[in-house]
PDB file of N, CA and C in Angstrom:
ATOM      1  N   UNK A   1     -17.435 -45.704 -23.497  1.00  0.00           N
ATOM      2  CA  UNK A   1     -18.256 -46.202 -24.577  1.00  0.00           C
ATOM      3  C   UNK A   1     -17.470 -46.177 -25.876  1.00  0.00           C
ATOM      4  N   UNK A   2     -16.648 -45.153 -26.070  1.00  0.00           N
ATOM      5  CA  UNK A   2     -15.865 -45.041 -27.299  1.00  0.00           C
ATOM      6  C   UNK A   2     -14.980 -46.271 -27.459  1.00  0.00           C
ATOM      7  N   UNK A   3     -14.349 -46.710 -26.369  1.00  0.00           N
ATOM      8  CA  UNK A   3     -13.466 -47.884 -26.438  1.00  0.00           C
ATOM      9  C   UNK A   3     -14.247 -49.122 -26.860  1.00  0.00           C
ATOM     10  N   UNK A   4     -15.453 -49.242 -26.404  1.00  0.00           N
ATOM     11  CA  UNK A   4     -16.282 -50.399 -26.748  1.00  0.00           C
ATOM     12  C   UNK A   4     -16.613 -50.397 -28.231  1.00  0.00           C
ATOM     13  N   UNK A   5     -16.970 -49.228 -28.762  1.00  0.00           N
ATOM     14  CA  UNK A   5     -17.371 -49.158 -30.165  1.00  0.00           C
ATOM     15  C   UNK A   5     -16.199 -49.186 -31.132  1.00  0.00           C
ATOM     16  N   UNK A   6     -15.098 -48.531 -30.791  1.00  0.00           N
ATOM     17  CA  UNK A   6     -13.969 -48.450 -31.710  1.00  0.00           C
ATOM     18  C   UNK A   6     -13.114 -49.706 -31.717  1.00  0.00           C
ATOM     19  N   UNK A   7     -12.948 -50.326 -30.558  1.00  0.00           N
ATOM     20  CA  UNK A   7     -12.081 -51.499 -30.452  1.00  0.00           C
ATOM     21  C   UNK A   7     -12.729 -52.511 -29.520  1.00  0.00           C
ATOM     22  N   UNK A   8     -13.905 -53.014 -29.928  1.00  0.00           N
ATOM     23  CA  UNK A   8     -14.671 -53.880 -29.035  1.00  0.00           C
ATOM     24  C   UNK A   8     -13.880 -55.077 -28.514  1.00  0.00           C
ATOM     25  N   UNK A   9     -13.136 -55.821 -29.359  1.00  0.00           N
ATOM     26  CA  UNK A   9     -12.403 -56.968 -28.826  1.00  0.00           C
ATOM     27  C   UNK A   9     -11.225 -56.566 -27.939  1.00  0.00           C
ATOM     28  N   UNK A  10     -10.764 -55.326 -28.057  1.00  0.00           N
ATOM     29  CA  UNK A  10      -9.589 -54.872 -27.307  1.00  0.00           C
ATOM     30  C   UNK A  10      -9.640 -55.165 -25.825  1.00  0.00           C
ATOM     31  N   UNK A  11     -10.686 -54.720 -25.113  1.00  0.00           N
ATOM     32  CA  UNK A  11     -10.727 -54.961 -23.670  1.00  0.00           C
ATOM     33  C   UNK A  11     -10.837 -56.444 -23.307  1.00  0.00           C
ATOM     34  N   UNK A  12     -11.260 -57.263 -24.258  1.00  0.00           N
ATOM     35  CA  UNK A  12     -11.472 -58.682 -23.956  1.00  0.00           C
ATOM     36  C   UNK A  12     -10.402 -59.574 -24.574  1.00  0.00           C
ATOM     37  N   UNK A  13      -9.333 -58.991 -25.094  1.00  0.00           N
ATOM     38  CA  UNK A  13      -8.286 -59.780 -25.747  1.00  0.00           C
ATOM     39  C   UNK A  13      -7.509 -60.590 -24.715  1.00  0.00           C
ATOM     40  N   UNK A  14      -7.824 -61.845 -24.639  1.00  0.00           N
ATOM     41  CA  UNK A  14      -7.164 -62.746 -23.708  1.00  0.00           C
ATOM     42  C   UNK A  14      -7.387 -64.171 -24.193  1.00  0.00           C
ATOM     43  N   UNK A  15      -6.527 -65.064 -23.778  1.00  0.00           N
ATOM     44  CA  UNK A  15      -6.697 -66.465 -24.173  1.00  0.00           C
ATOM     45  C   UNK A  15      -7.715 -67.166 -23.294  1.00  0.00           C
ATOM     46  N   UNK A  16      -7.973 -66.605 -22.129  1.00  0.00           N
ATOM     47  CA  UNK A  16      -8.963 -67.185 -21.229  1.00  0.00           C
ATOM     48  C   UNK A  16     -10.151 -66.252 -21.127  1.00  0.00           C
ATOM     49  N   UNK A  17     -11.296 -66.819 -20.872  1.00  0.00           N
ATOM     50  CA  UNK A  17     -12.488 -65.990 -20.693  1.00  0.00           C
ATOM     51  C   UNK A  17     -12.555 -65.585 -19.229  1.00  0.00           C
ATOM     52  N   UNK A  18     -12.067 -64.402 -18.941  1.00  0.00           N
ATOM     53  CA  UNK A  18     -11.986 -63.926 -17.567  1.00  0.00           C
ATOM     54  C   UNK A  18     -13.105 -62.969 -17.207  1.00  0.00           C
ATOM     55  N   UNK A  19     -13.792 -62.442 -18.199  1.00  0.00           N
ATOM     56  CA  UNK A  19     -14.771 -61.416 -17.888  1.00  0.00           C
ATOM     57  C   UNK A  19     -15.835 -61.335 -18.969  1.00  0.00           C
ATOM     58  N   UNK A  20     -16.892 -60.617 -18.641  1.00  0.00           N
ATOM     59  CA  UNK A  20     -17.948 -60.319 -19.592  1.00  0.00           C
ATOM     60  C   UNK A  20     -18.118 -58.815 -19.657  1.00  0.00           C
ATOM     61  N   UNK A  21     -18.417 -58.302 -20.823  1.00  0.00           N
ATOM     62  CA  UNK A  21     -18.664 -56.880 -20.966  1.00  0.00           C
ATOM     63  C   UNK A  21     -20.094 -56.683 -21.426  1.00  0.00           C
ATOM     64  N   UNK A  22     -20.787 -55.796 -20.762  1.00  0.00           N
ATOM     65  CA  UNK A  22     -22.155 -55.461 -21.131  1.00  0.00           C
ATOM     66  C   UNK A  22     -22.215 -53.972 -21.357  1.00  0.00           C
ATOM     67  N   UNK A  23     -22.990 -53.554 -22.326  1.00  0.00           N
ATOM     68  CA  UNK A  23     -23.210 -52.119 -22.460  1.00  0.00           C
ATOM     69  C   UNK A  23     -24.675 -51.895 -22.791  1.00  0.00           C
ATOM     70  N   UNK A  24     -25.195 -50.831 -22.256  1.00  0.00           N
ATOM     71  CA  UNK A  24     -26.617 -50.579 -22.385  1.00  0.00           C
ATOM     72  C   UNK A  24     -26.909 -49.100 -22.217  1.00  0.00           C
ATOM     73  N   UNK A  25     -28.023 -48.681 -22.722  1.00  0.00           N
ATOM     74  CA  UNK A  25     -28.542 -47.351 -22.442  1.00  0.00           C
ATOM     75  C   UNK A  25     -30.059 -47.439 -22.350  1.00  0.00           C
ATOM     76  N   UNK A  26     -30.573 -48.650 -22.171  1.00  0.00           N
ATOM     77  CA  UNK A  26     -32.022 -48.847 -22.251  1.00  0.00           C
ATOM     78  C   UNK A  26     -32.774 -48.303 -21.043  1.00  0.00           C
ATOM     79  N   UNK A  27     -32.140 -48.160 -19.897  1.00  0.00           N
ATOM     80  CA  UNK A  27     -32.869 -47.699 -18.710  1.00  0.00           C
ATOM     81  C   UNK A  27     -32.758 -46.190 -18.546  1.00  0.00           C
ATOM     82  N   UNK A  28     -31.546 -45.663 -18.587  1.00  0.00           N
ATOM     83  CA  UNK A  28     -31.340 -44.239 -18.334  1.00  0.00           C
ATOM     84  C   UNK A  28     -31.218 -43.426 -19.611  1.00  0.00           C
ATOM     85  N   UNK A  29     -30.957 -44.069 -20.729  1.00  0.00           N
ATOM     86  CA  UNK A  29     -30.705 -43.358 -21.971  1.00  0.00           C
ATOM     87  C   UNK A  29     -29.267 -42.881 -22.096  1.00  0.00           C
ATOM     88  N   UNK A  30     -28.463 -43.113 -21.055  1.00  0.00           N
ATOM     89  CA  UNK A  30     -27.061 -42.719 -21.071  1.00  0.00           C
ATOM     90  C   UNK A  30     -26.204 -43.944 -21.363  1.00  0.00           C
ATOM     91  N   UNK A  31     -25.351 -43.900 -22.393  1.00  0.00           N
ATOM     92  CA  UNK A  31     -24.528 -45.064 -22.707  1.00  0.00           C
ATOM     93  C   UNK A  31     -23.534 -45.351 -21.590  1.00  0.00           C
ATOM     94  N   UNK A  32     -23.353 -46.624 -21.299  1.00  0.00           N
ATOM     95  CA  UNK A  32     -22.392 -47.024 -20.271  1.00  0.00           C
ATOM     96  C   UNK A  32     -21.887 -48.427 -20.580  1.00  0.00           C
ATOM     97  N   UNK A  33     -20.752 -48.743 -20.034  1.00  0.00           N
ATOM     98  CA  UNK A  33     -20.181 -50.082 -20.204  1.00  0.00           C
ATOM     99  C   UNK A  33     -19.811 -50.610 -18.838  1.00  0.00           C
ATOM    100  N   UNK A  34     -19.929 -51.910 -18.643  1.00  0.00           N
ATOM    101  CA  UNK A  34     -19.595 -52.553 -17.376  1.00  0.00           C
ATOM    102  C   UNK A  34     -18.760 -53.772 -17.690  1.00  0.00           C
ATOM    103  N   UNK A  35     -17.589 -53.814 -17.141  1.00  0.00           N
ATOM    104  CA  UNK A  35     -16.722 -54.974 -17.293  1.00  0.00           C
ATOM    105  C   UNK A  35     -16.638 -55.629 -15.928  1.00  0.00           C
ATOM    106  N   UNK A  36     -17.051 -56.860 -15.834  1.00  0.00           N
ATOM    107  CA  UNK A  36     -16.973 -57.547 -14.544  1.00  0.00           C
ATOM    108  C   UNK A  36     -16.424 -58.941 -14.766  1.00  0.00           C
ATOM    109  N   UNK A  37     -15.737 -59.430 -13.768  1.00  0.00           N
ATOM    110  CA  UNK A  37     -15.194 -60.770 -13.836  1.00  0.00           C
ATOM    111  C   UNK A  37     -16.305 -61.804 -13.836  1.00  0.00           C
ATOM    112  N   UNK A  38     -16.041 -62.949 -14.414  1.00  0.00           N
ATOM    113  CA  UNK A  38     -17.056 -64.012 -14.475  1.00  0.00           C
ATOM    114  C   UNK A  38     -17.502 -64.432 -13.089  1.00  0.00           C
ATOM    115  N   UNK A  39     -16.567 -64.518 -12.152  1.00  0.00           N
ATOM    116  CA  UNK A  39     -16.939 -64.917 -10.788  1.00  0.00           C
ATOM    117  C   UNK A  39     -17.813 -63.851 -10.134  1.00  0.00           C
ATOM    118  N   UNK A  40     -17.495 -62.578 -10.381  1.00  0.00           N
ATOM    119  CA  UNK A  40     -18.320 -61.484  -9.855  1.00  0.00           C
ATOM    120  C   UNK A  40     -19.736 -61.573 -10.415  1.00  0.00           C
ATOM    121  N   UNK A  41     -19.850 -61.827 -11.712  1.00  0.00           N
ATOM    122  CA  UNK A  41     -21.160 -61.944 -12.369  1.00  0.00           C
ATOM    123  C   UNK A  41     -21.951 -63.114 -11.775  1.00  0.00           C
ATOM    124  N   UNK A  42     -21.294 -64.256 -11.574  1.00  0.00           N
ATOM    125  CA  UNK A  42     -21.976 -65.418 -10.993  1.00  0.00           C
ATOM    126  C   UNK A  42     -22.438 -65.128  -9.571  1.00  0.00           C
ATOM    127  N   UNK A  43     -21.586 -64.462  -8.782  1.00  0.00           N
ATOM    128  CA  UNK A  43     -21.934 -64.133  -7.397  1.00  0.00           C
ATOM    129  C   UNK A  43     -23.130 -63.194  -7.345  1.00  0.00           C
ATOM    130  N   UNK A  44     -23.119 -62.161  -8.177  1.00  0.00           N
ATOM    131  CA  UNK A  44     -24.237 -61.210  -8.217  1.00  0.00           C
ATOM    132  C   UNK A  44     -25.545 -61.946  -8.507  1.00  0.00           C
ATOM    133  N   UNK A  45     -25.533 -62.818  -9.495  1.00  0.00           N
ATOM    134  CA  UNK A  45     -26.763 -63.524  -9.867  1.00  0.00           C
ATOM    135  C   UNK A  45     -27.204 -64.530  -8.817  1.00  0.00           C
ATOM    136  N   UNK A  46     -26.252 -65.220  -8.183  1.00  0.00           N
ATOM    137  CA  UNK A  46     -26.629 -66.142  -7.101  1.00  0.00           C
ATOM    138  C   UNK A  46     -27.288 -65.385  -5.952  1.00  0.00           C
ATOM    139  N   UNK A  47     -26.741 -64.213  -5.599  1.00  0.00           N
ATOM    140  CA  UNK A  47     -27.317 -63.404  -4.527  1.00  0.00           C
ATOM    141  C   UNK A  47     -28.705 -62.897  -4.898  1.00  0.00           C
ATOM    142  N   UNK A  48     -28.895 -62.507  -6.147  1.00  0.00           N
ATOM    143  CA  UNK A  48     -30.217 -62.061  -6.587  1.00  0.00           C
ATOM    144  C   UNK A  48     -31.239 -63.192  -6.517  1.00  0.00           C
ATOM    145  N   UNK A  49     -30.848 -64.386  -6.934  1.00  0.00           N
ATOM    146  CA  UNK A  49     -31.757 -65.539  -6.865  1.00  0.00           C
ATOM    147  C   UNK A  49     -32.164 -65.787  -5.417  1.00  0.00           C
ATOM    148  N   UNK A  50     -31.185 -65.833  -4.511  1.00  0.00           N
ATOM    149  CA  UNK A  50     -31.481 -66.074  -3.093  1.00  0.00           C
ATOM    150  C   UNK A  50     -32.394 -64.994  -2.522  1.00  0.00           C
ATOM    151  N   UNK A  51     -32.091 -63.745  -2.842  1.00  0.00           N
ATOM    152  CA  UNK A  51     -32.890 -62.630  -2.319  1.00  0.00           C
ATOM    153  C   UNK A  51     -34.316 -62.682  -2.843  1.00  0.00           C
ATOM    154  N   UNK A  52     -34.484 -62.919  -4.135  1.00  0.00           N
ATOM    155  CA  UNK A  52     -35.830 -63.001  -4.709  1.00  0.00           C
ATOM    156  C   UNK A  52     -36.607 -64.178  -4.120  1.00  0.00           C
ATOM    157  N   UNK A  53     -35.943 -65.312  -3.908  1.00  0.00           N
ATOM    158  CA  UNK A  53     -36.607 -66.481  -3.323  1.00  0.00           C
ATOM    159  C   UNK A  53     -37.024 -66.192  -1.880  1.00  0.00           C
ATOM    160  N   UNK A  54     -36.112 -65.637  -1.093  1.00  0.00           N
ATOM    161  CA  UNK A  54     -36.419 -65.347   0.318  1.00  0.00           C
ATOM    162  C   UNK A  54     -37.535 -64.328   0.467  1.00  0.00           C
ATOM    163  N   UNK A  55     -37.615 -63.357  -0.441  1.00  0.00           N
ATOM    164  CA  UNK A  55     -38.646 -62.325  -0.370  1.00  0.00           C
ATOM    165  C   UNK A  55     -39.950 -62.749  -1.037  1.00  0.00           C
ATOM    166  N   UNK A  56     -39.991 -63.953  -1.578  1.00  0.00           N
ATOM    167  CA  UNK A  56     -41.202 -64.443  -2.223  1.00  0.00           C
ATOM    168  C   UNK A  56     -41.438 -63.869  -3.608  1.00  0.00           C
ATOM    169  N   UNK A  57     -40.431 -63.233  -4.189  1.00  0.00           N
ATOM    170  CA  UNK A  57     -40.579 -62.670  -5.531  1.00  0.00           C
ATOM    171  C   UNK A  57     -40.377 -63.708  -6.622  1.00  0.00           C
ATOM    172  N   UNK A  58     -39.741 -64.812  -6.281  1.00  0.00           N
ATOM    173  CA  UNK A  58     -39.535 -65.905  -7.224  1.00  0.00           C
ATOM    174  C   UNK A  58     -39.898 -67.198  -6.502  1.00  0.00           C
ATOM    175  N   UNK A  59     -40.933 -67.869  -7.024  1.00  0.00           N
ATOM    176  CA  UNK A  59     -41.436 -69.072  -6.368  1.00  0.00           C
ATOM    177  C   UNK A  59     -41.540 -70.222  -7.366  1.00  0.00           C
ATOM    178  N   UNK A  60     -41.638 -71.402  -6.814  1.00  0.00           N
ATOM    179  CA  UNK A  60     -41.828 -72.589  -7.633  1.00  0.00           C
ATOM    180  C   UNK A  60     -43.066 -72.399  -8.511  1.00  0.00           C
ATOM    181  N   UNK A  61     -42.996 -72.792  -9.749  1.00  0.00           N
ATOM    182  CA  UNK A  61     -44.071 -72.727 -10.745  1.00  0.00           C
ATOM    183  C   UNK A  61     -44.309 -71.329 -11.307  1.00  0.00           C
ATOM    184  N   UNK A  62     -43.445 -70.348 -11.000  1.00  0.00           N
ATOM    185  CA  UNK A  62     -43.587 -69.013 -11.580  1.00  0.00           C
ATOM    186  C   UNK A  62     -43.273 -69.028 -13.067  1.00  0.00           C
ATOM    187  N   UNK A  63     -43.877 -68.109 -13.785  1.00  0.00           N
ATOM    188  CA  UNK A  63     -43.529 -67.835 -15.170  1.00  0.00           C
ATOM    189  C   UNK A  63     -43.008 -66.400 -15.194  1.00  0.00           C
ATOM    190  N   UNK A  64     -41.767 -66.230 -15.620  1.00  0.00           N
ATOM    191  CA  UNK A  64     -41.111 -64.926 -15.633  1.00  0.00           C
ATOM    192  C   UNK A  64     -41.155 -64.376 -17.052  1.00  0.00           C
ATOM    193  N   UNK A  65     -41.744 -63.193 -17.202  1.00  0.00           N
ATOM    194  CA  UNK A  65     -41.819 -62.533 -18.499  1.00  0.00           C
ATOM    195  C   UNK A  65     -40.671 -61.525 -18.550  1.00  0.00           C
ATOM    196  N   UNK A  66     -39.644 -61.837 -19.324  1.00  0.00           N
ATOM    197  CA  UNK A  66     -38.444 -61.001 -19.413  1.00  0.00           C
ATOM    198  C   UNK A  66     -38.696 -59.894 -20.440  1.00  0.00           C
ATOM    199  N   UNK A  67     -38.959 -58.679 -19.940  1.00  0.00           N
ATOM    200  CA  UNK A  67     -39.294 -57.558 -20.808  1.00  0.00           C
ATOM    201  C   UNK A  67     -38.119 -56.621 -21.047  1.00  0.00           C
ATOM    202  N   UNK A  68     -36.948 -56.964 -20.544  1.00  0.00           N
ATOM    203  CA  UNK A  68     -35.777 -56.102 -20.737  1.00  0.00           C
ATOM    204  C   UNK A  68     -35.360 -56.091 -22.196  1.00  0.00           C
ATOM    205  N   UNK A  69     -34.582 -55.080 -22.567  1.00  0.00           N
ATOM    206  CA  UNK A  69     -34.110 -54.955 -23.946  1.00  0.00           C
ATOM    207  C   UNK A  69     -33.228 -56.151 -24.296  1.00  0.00           C
ATOM    208  N   UNK A  70     -33.565 -56.899 -25.347  1.00  0.00           N
ATOM    209  CA  UNK A  70     -32.769 -58.078 -25.704  1.00  0.00           C
ATOM    210  C   UNK A  70     -31.286 -57.737 -25.861  1.00  0.00           C
ATOM    211  N   UNK A  71     -30.437 -58.551 -25.249  1.00  0.00           N
ATOM    212  CA  UNK A  71     -28.994 -58.356 -25.317  1.00  0.00           C
ATOM    213  C   UNK A  71     -28.430 -57.465 -24.231  1.00  0.00           C
ATOM    214  N   UNK A  72     -29.299 -56.766 -23.492  1.00  0.00           N
ATOM    215  CA  UNK A  72     -28.816 -55.879 -22.437  1.00  0.00           C
ATOM    216  C   UNK A  72     -28.384 -56.702 -21.220  1.00  0.00           C
ATOM    217  N   UNK A  73     -27.613 -56.080 -20.358  1.00  0.00           N
ATOM    218  CA  UNK A  73     -27.165 -56.757 -19.138  1.00  0.00           C
ATOM    219  C   UNK A  73     -28.361 -57.185 -18.302  1.00  0.00           C
ATOM    220  N   UNK A  74     -29.383 -56.349 -18.242  1.00  0.00           N
ATOM    221  CA  UNK A  74     -30.571 -56.687 -17.458  1.00  0.00           C
ATOM    222  C   UNK A  74     -31.290 -57.898 -18.043  1.00  0.00           C
ATOM    223  N   UNK A  75     -31.407 -57.957 -19.370  1.00  0.00           N
ATOM    224  CA  UNK A  75     -32.046 -59.098 -20.026  1.00  0.00           C
ATOM    225  C   UNK A  75     -31.281 -60.386 -19.694  1.00  0.00           C
ATOM    226  N   UNK A  76     -29.964 -60.320 -19.802  1.00  0.00           N
ATOM    227  CA  UNK A  76     -29.126 -61.486 -19.530  1.00  0.00           C
ATOM    228  C   UNK A  76     -29.206 -61.870 -18.055  1.00  0.00           C
ATOM    229  N   UNK A  77     -29.239 -60.884 -17.163  1.00  0.00           N
ATOM    230  CA  UNK A  77     -29.321 -61.158 -15.729  1.00  0.00           C
ATOM    231  C   UNK A  77     -30.626 -61.861 -15.377  1.00  0.00           C
ATOM    232  N   UNK A  78     -31.743 -61.386 -15.915  1.00  0.00           N
ATOM    233  CA  UNK A  78     -33.028 -62.037 -15.649  1.00  0.00           C
ATOM    234  C   UNK A  78     -32.985 -63.480 -16.131  1.00  0.00           C
ATOM    235  N   UNK A  79     -32.460 -63.685 -17.322  1.00  0.00           N
ATOM    236  CA  UNK A  79     -32.349 -65.046 -17.872  1.00  0.00           C
ATOM    237  C   UNK A  79     -31.492 -65.929 -16.951  1.00  0.00           C
ATOM    238  N   UNK A  80     -30.388 -65.383 -16.482  1.00  0.00           N
ATOM    239  CA  UNK A  80     -29.480 -66.152 -15.610  1.00  0.00           C
ATOM    240  C   UNK A  80     -30.125 -66.467 -14.272  1.00  0.00           C
ATOM    241  N   UNK A  81     -30.893 -65.534 -13.732  1.00  0.00           N
ATOM    242  CA  UNK A  81     -31.574 -65.744 -12.446  1.00  0.00           C
ATOM    243  C   UNK A  81     -32.572 -66.895 -12.568  1.00  0.00           C
ATOM    244  N   UNK A  82     -33.341 -66.910 -13.643  1.00  0.00           N
ATOM    245  CA  UNK A  82     -34.287 -68.008 -13.864  1.00  0.00           C
ATOM    246  C   UNK A  82     -33.524 -69.327 -13.977  1.00  0.00           C
ATOM    247  N   UNK A  83     -32.406 -69.306 -14.679  1.00  0.00           N
ATOM    248  CA  UNK A  83     -31.592 -70.502 -14.869  1.00  0.00           C
ATOM    249  C   UNK A  83     -31.020 -71.031 -13.548  1.00  0.00           C
ATOM    250  N   UNK A  84     -30.634 -70.123 -12.646  1.00  0.00           N
ATOM    251  CA  UNK A  84     -30.012 -70.528 -11.381  1.00  0.00           C
ATOM    252  C   UNK A  84     -31.016 -70.926 -10.301  1.00  0.00           C
ATOM    253  N   UNK A  85     -32.271 -70.549 -10.467  1.00  0.00           N
ATOM    254  CA  UNK A  85     -33.283 -70.845  -9.454  1.00  0.00           C
ATOM    255  C   UNK A  85     -33.423 -72.359  -9.299  1.00  0.00           C
ATOM    256  N   UNK A  86     -33.394 -72.828  -8.060  1.00  0.00           N
ATOM    257  CA  UNK A  86     -33.442 -74.279  -7.829  1.00  0.00           C
ATOM    258  C   UNK A  86     -34.849 -74.846  -7.968  1.00  0.00           C
ATOM    259  N   UNK A  87     -35.852 -73.994  -7.902  1.00  0.00           N
ATOM    260  CA  UNK A  87     -37.223 -74.455  -8.107  1.00  0.00           C
ATOM    261  C   UNK A  87     -37.517 -74.599  -9.586  1.00  0.00           C
ATOM    262  N   UNK A  88     -38.753 -74.941  -9.872  1.00  0.00           N
ATOM    263  CA  UNK A  88     -39.171 -75.076 -11.268  1.00  0.00           C
ATOM    264  C   UNK A  88     -39.890 -73.796 -11.677  1.00  0.00           C
ATOM    265  N   UNK A  89     -39.361 -73.117 -12.670  1.00  0.00           N
ATOM    266  CA  UNK A  89     -40.035 -71.940 -13.207  1.00  0.00           C
ATOM    267  C   UNK A  89     -39.685 -71.824 -14.687  1.00  0.00           C
ATOM    268  N   UNK A  90     -40.434 -70.992 -15.374  1.00  0.00           N
ATOM    269  CA  UNK A  90     -40.236 -70.817 -16.810  1.00  0.00           C
ATOM    270  C   UNK A  90     -40.000 -69.343 -17.123  1.00  0.00           C
ATOM    271  N   UNK A  91     -39.341 -69.092 -18.232  1.00  0.00           N
ATOM    272  CA  UNK A  91     -39.088 -67.726 -18.676  1.00  0.00           C
ATOM    273  C   UNK A  91     -39.603 -67.549 -20.097  1.00  0.00           C
ATOM    274  N   UNK A  92     -40.315 -66.455 -20.315  1.00  0.00           N
ATOM    275  CA  UNK A  92     -40.688 -66.042 -21.660  1.00  0.00           C
ATOM    276  C   UNK A  92     -39.821 -64.837 -21.970  1.00  0.00           C
ATOM    277  N   UNK A  93     -38.877 -64.997 -22.888  1.00  0.00           N
ATOM    278  CA  UNK A  93     -37.954 -63.918 -23.253  1.00  0.00           C
ATOM    279  C   UNK A  93     -38.592 -63.075 -24.349  1.00  0.00           C
ATOM    280  N   UNK A  94     -39.442 -62.161 -23.942  1.00  0.00           N
ATOM    281  CA  UNK A  94     -40.209 -61.377 -24.897  1.00  0.00           C
ATOM    282  C   UNK A  94     -39.480 -60.107 -25.336  1.00  0.00           C
ATOM    283  N   UNK A  95     -38.838 -59.415 -24.406  1.00  0.00           N
ATOM    284  CA  UNK A  95     -38.168 -58.152 -24.729  1.00  0.00           C
ATOM    285  C   UNK A  95     -39.138 -56.989 -24.713  1.00  0.00           C
ATOM    286  N   UNK A  96     -38.599 -55.792 -24.621  1.00  0.00           N
ATOM    287  CA  UNK A  96     -39.431 -54.592 -24.523  1.00  0.00           C
ATOM    288  C   UNK A  96     -39.703 -53.968 -25.887  1.00  0.00           C
ATOM    289  N   UNK A  97     -39.213 -54.575 -26.936  1.00  0.00           N
ATOM    290  CA  UNK A  97     -39.366 -53.985 -28.266  1.00  0.00           C
ATOM    291  C   UNK A  97     -40.633 -54.474 -28.970  1.00  0.00           C
ATOM    292  N   UNK A  98     -41.536 -55.071 -28.215  1.00  0.00           N
ATOM    293  CA  UNK A  98     -42.805 -55.553 -28.773  1.00  0.00           C
ATOM    294  C   UNK A  98     -43.879 -54.478 -28.620  1.00  0.00           C
ATOM    295  N   UNK A  99     -44.930 -54.600 -29.358  1.00  0.00           N
ATOM    296  CA  UNK A  99     -46.079 -53.718 -29.251  1.00  0.00           C
ATOM    297  C   UNK A  99     -46.696 -53.870 -27.853  1.00  0.00           C
ATOM    298  N   UNK A 100     -47.178 -52.757 -27.296  1.00  0.00           N
ATOM    299  CA  UNK A 100     -47.738 -52.771 -25.947  1.00  0.00           C
ATOM    300  C   UNK A 100     -48.869 -53.795 -25.816  1.00  0.00           C
ATOM    301  N   UNK A 101     -49.754 -53.867 -26.786  1.00  0.00           N
ATOM    302  CA  UNK A 101     -50.860 -54.831 -26.742  1.00  0.00           C
ATOM    303  C   UNK A 101     -50.351 -56.264 -26.739  1.00  0.00           C
ATOM    304  N   UNK A 102     -49.277 -56.510 -27.460  1.00  0.00           N
ATOM    305  CA  UNK A 102     -48.655 -57.832 -27.507  1.00  0.00           C
ATOM    306  C   UNK A 102     -48.134 -58.216 -26.122  1.00  0.00           C
ATOM    307  N   UNK A 103     -47.462 -57.273 -25.469  1.00  0.00           N
ATOM    308  CA  UNK A 103     -46.916 -57.520 -24.115  1.00  0.00           C
ATOM    309  C   UNK A 103     -48.060 -57.820 -23.146  1.00  0.00           C
ATOM    310  N   UNK A 104     -49.141 -57.037 -23.206  1.00  0.00           N
ATOM    311  CA  UNK A 104     -50.293 -57.257 -22.326  1.00  0.00           C
ATOM    312  C   UNK A 104     -50.904 -58.626 -22.583  1.00  0.00           C
ATOM    313  N   UNK A 105     -50.983 -59.038 -23.846  1.00  0.00           N
ATOM    314  CA  UNK A 105     -51.553 -60.351 -24.170  1.00  0.00           C
ATOM    315  C   UNK A 105     -50.720 -61.470 -23.529  1.00  0.00           C
ATOM    316  N   UNK A 106     -49.400 -61.352 -23.575  1.00  0.00           N
ATOM    317  CA  UNK A 106     -48.565 -62.357 -22.925  1.00  0.00           C
ATOM    318  C   UNK A 106     -48.725 -62.319 -21.417  1.00  0.00           C
ATOM    319  N   UNK A 107     -48.850 -61.104 -20.864  1.00  0.00           N
ATOM    320  CA  UNK A 107     -48.995 -60.953 -19.414  1.00  0.00           C
ATOM    321  C   UNK A 107     -50.261 -61.622 -18.944  1.00  0.00           C
TER     322      UNK A 107
END
């Protein structure tokens, strides 16, 4: 985490975009960083889309309420999964930083 905060561009200094870096502490409260290649990130999300579709968790005409912390890896992953789904569905990028009553109203 120190490397991310002290020299954020350092790990990503390259002429080509080879990777994405995400850092979060929204789920466990423990700071962490994840550096993964772009192809790895795409593969992970494609597999999640397929798995959710096969298990009936993501269906045509669904509306996905993205409650993850805005900017977190989980928030971005949910957004990407909706984007990759071959069916028609919508995403409301609400985030978890809203008032509880507000979240329930959207739900």
